[in-house]
């Protein structure tokens, strides 16, 4: 079911400018780095090249540098965008949300708001995601490079988590 809802999200934001979605999540990955979070807004104005993958949702998005790891901003650089009439420096990044980290999806349309998906069990994994994020950053610091995101997360979910990726 979640896969079908995500496909609907991707289709809608690629074809309707007035629709938005809120993904309730325990975290997401930006350019291979985990970030603990409570949600992510998805709409046509800030999302490019979105797709559903075997592991979840991916898209190019724009983030202010202050919310990103400094290495990401340094690697990707910034561009200036107009936001509500003001010039804002942003970084175009690849964002990935794994199925197992999605708590809910809400549609925000011009006339209505509708909960399309909800899995309350995901919230129980929030502390696990935060712990995983700390271990990831420790390994990154020790190795002085980014661990492979997918391999790291699969290994973590199998050994420390509940084993679920989908």
Protein backbone atom coordinates (compact mmCIF):
# COMPACT_ATOMS: atom_id res chain seq x y z
CA UNK A 1 0.00 0.00 0.00
CA UNK A 2 2.75 2.49 0.91
CA UNK A 3 4.42 1.95 -2.46
CA UNK A 4 1.16 2.80 -4.24
CA UNK A 5 0.63 5.94 -2.15
CA UNK A 6 4.18 7.12 -2.89
CA UNK A 7 3.59 6.54 -6.61
CA UNK A 8 0.48 8.71 -6.31
CA UNK A 9 2.54 11.42 -4.55
CA UNK A 10 5.16 11.41 -7.32
CA UNK A 11 2.56 11.48 -10.08
CA UNK A 12 0.59 14.30 -8.47
CA UNK A 13 3.53 16.61 -7.80
CA UNK A 14 4.75 16.08 -11.34
CA UNK A 15 1.34 17.02 -12.80
CA UNK A 16 -0.41 19.38 -10.34
CA UNK A 17 1.15 22.59 -9.05
CA UNK A 18 -1.40 23.20 -6.31
CA UNK A 19 -0.99 19.93 -4.40
CA UNK A 20 1.36 19.22 -1.52
CA UNK A 21 2.04 16.28 0.75
CA UNK A 22 3.43 15.97 4.22
CA UNK A 23 5.44 12.84 4.93
CA UNK A 24 5.55 12.10 8.65
CA UNK A 25 8.90 10.40 9.14
CA UNK A 26 11.39 9.41 11.79
CA UNK A 27 14.25 10.49 9.56
CA UNK A 28 15.63 10.78 6.05
CA UNK A 29 18.96 10.80 4.25
CA UNK A 30 20.43 13.80 2.44
CA UNK A 31 23.37 13.09 0.15
CA UNK A 32 24.07 9.87 2.07
CA UNK A 33 23.88 11.39 5.57
CA UNK A 34 21.06 10.52 8.01
CA UNK A 35 18.98 13.29 9.58
CA UNK A 36 16.46 12.66 12.36
CA UNK A 37 13.23 14.50 11.58
CA UNK A 38 9.50 14.53 12.12
CA UNK A 39 8.46 15.36 8.59
CA UNK A 40 9.07 16.45 5.04
CA UNK A 41 6.88 18.62 2.80
CA UNK A 42 6.67 17.49 -0.81
CA UNK A 43 5.31 19.79 -3.54
CA UNK A 44 6.00 20.79 -7.13
CA UNK A 45 7.81 24.01 -6.18
CA UNK A 46 10.63 22.39 -4.24
CA UNK A 47 10.95 18.87 -5.59
CA UNK A 48 12.68 17.74 -8.77
CA UNK A 49 13.23 14.31 -10.27
CA UNK A 50 11.14 12.49 -7.68
CA UNK A 51 10.74 8.73 -7.91
CA UNK A 52 9.73 5.66 -5.97
CA UNK A 53 12.48 3.09 -5.59
CA UNK A 54 12.67 -0.42 -4.21
CA UNK A 55 13.54 1.11 -0.82
CA UNK A 56 11.32 4.20 -0.69
CA UNK A 57 11.08 7.74 -2.03
CA UNK A 58 13.87 9.86 -3.58
CA UNK A 59 13.97 13.37 -4.97
CA UNK A 60 16.16 16.37 -5.63
CA UNK A 61 15.19 19.13 -3.19
CA UNK A 62 16.42 22.54 -2.11
CA UNK A 63 17.68 23.11 1.45
CA UNK A 64 19.14 26.09 3.22
CA UNK A 65 22.80 25.45 4.09
CA UNK A 66 22.19 26.00 7.82
CA UNK A 67 20.18 22.75 7.91
CA UNK A 68 22.83 20.66 6.16
CA UNK A 69 26.10 19.06 7.11
CA UNK A 70 28.79 21.61 6.14
CA UNK A 71 30.53 19.02 3.95
CA UNK A 72 27.37 18.71 1.84
CA UNK A 73 27.18 22.46 1.26
CA UNK A 74 30.88 22.58 0.43
CA UNK A 75 30.59 19.69 -2.03
CA UNK A 76 27.35 20.79 -3.73
CA UNK A 77 27.66 24.58 -3.55
CA UNK A 78 24.78 27.03 -3.25
CA UNK A 79 22.45 28.75 -5.69
CA UNK A 80 20.27 31.78 -5.15
CA UNK A 81 16.48 31.32 -5.37
CA UNK A 82 13.58 33.69 -4.94
CA UNK A 83 11.39 32.65 -2.02
CA UNK A 84 8.42 34.86 -1.20
CA UNK A 85 10.14 37.79 -2.88
CA UNK A 86 13.46 37.32 -1.10
CA UNK A 87 16.73 35.93 -2.43
CA UNK A 88 17.70 32.83 -0.46
CA UNK A 89 20.85 30.74 -0.78
CA UNK A 90 20.00 27.04 -1.12
CA UNK A 91 21.71 23.78 -1.89
CA UNK A 92 20.21 21.27 -4.34
CA UNK A 93 20.50 17.85 -2.70
CA UNK A 94 19.30 14.28 -3.16
CA UNK A 95 16.90 13.26 -0.38
CA UNK A 96 15.97 9.66 0.32
CA UNK A 97 13.26 8.38 2.67
CA UNK A 98 13.14 4.65 3.30
CA UNK A 99 9.77 2.89 3.54
CA UNK A 100 10.55 1.75 7.09
CA UNK A 101 10.94 5.37 8.22
CA UNK A 102 7.59 6.69 6.96
CA UNK A 103 4.98 7.10 9.67
CA UNK A 104 2.29 8.74 7.55
CA UNK A 105 1.44 10.64 4.37
CA UNK A 106 -1.05 13.49 4.28
CA UNK A 107 -2.36 15.13 1.12
CA UNK A 108 -2.81 18.93 1.22
CA UNK A 109 -4.97 19.89 -1.72
CA UNK A 110 -6.63 23.18 -2.57
CA UNK A 111 -9.97 22.03 -1.17
CA UNK A 112 -9.15 19.24 1.27
CA UNK A 113 -6.64 17.53 3.52
CA UNK A 114 -6.57 13.75 3.64
CA UNK A 115 -4.50 11.15 5.49
CA UNK A 116 -3.45 8.64 2.80
CA UNK A 117 -1.21 6.36 4.83
CA UNK A 118 -0.40 5.79 8.47
CA UNK A 119 1.69 3.21 10.31
CA UNK A 120 1.81 4.07 14.02
CA UNK A 121 4.37 1.31 14.66
CA UNK A 122 7.07 3.39 12.96
CA UNK A 123 7.19 5.92 15.80
CA UNK A 124 8.55 3.17 18.05
CA UNK A 125 11.71 3.20 15.89
CA UNK A 126 12.46 6.93 16.39
CA UNK A 127 14.99 6.37 19.18
CA UNK A 128 16.60 3.63 17.08
CA UNK A 129 16.99 6.05 14.16
CA UNK A 130 18.65 8.66 16.39
CA UNK A 131 21.04 6.01 17.78
CA UNK A 132 21.81 4.83 14.25
CA UNK A 133 22.53 8.43 13.21
CA UNK A 134 25.08 8.78 16.03
CA UNK A 135 26.80 5.48 15.13
CA UNK A 136 26.88 6.51 11.45
CA UNK A 137 28.52 9.83 12.31
CA UNK A 138 31.05 8.13 14.60
CA UNK A 139 32.03 5.69 11.82
CA UNK A 140 32.21 8.57 9.36
CA UNK A 141 34.53 10.51 11.66
CA UNK A 142 36.76 7.50 12.33
CA UNK A 143 37.06 6.57 8.66
CA UNK A 144 37.17 10.21 7.49
CA UNK A 145 34.67 9.34 4.74
CA UNK A 146 30.98 8.61 4.32
CA UNK A 147 29.99 4.99 4.80
CA UNK A 148 27.88 3.58 1.96
CA UNK A 149 24.37 4.66 2.96
CA UNK A 150 22.34 1.67 1.82
CA UNK A 151 24.78 -0.95 3.04
CA UNK A 152 25.18 0.78 6.38
CA UNK A 153 21.42 1.11 6.89
CA UNK A 154 20.66 -2.47 5.82
CA UNK A 155 23.34 -3.75 8.21
CA UNK A 156 22.04 -1.52 11.03
CA UNK A 157 18.40 -2.56 10.54
CA UNK A 158 19.44 -6.24 10.48
CA UNK A 159 21.62 -6.14 13.61
CA UNK A 160 20.33 -3.30 15.78
CA UNK A 161 16.85 -2.61 14.46
CA UNK A 162 13.87 -4.78 13.71
CA UNK A 163 15.27 -5.91 10.36
CA UNK A 164 12.64 -4.08 8.31
CA UNK A 165 13.63 -2.05 5.26
CA UNK A 166 10.25 -2.11 3.47
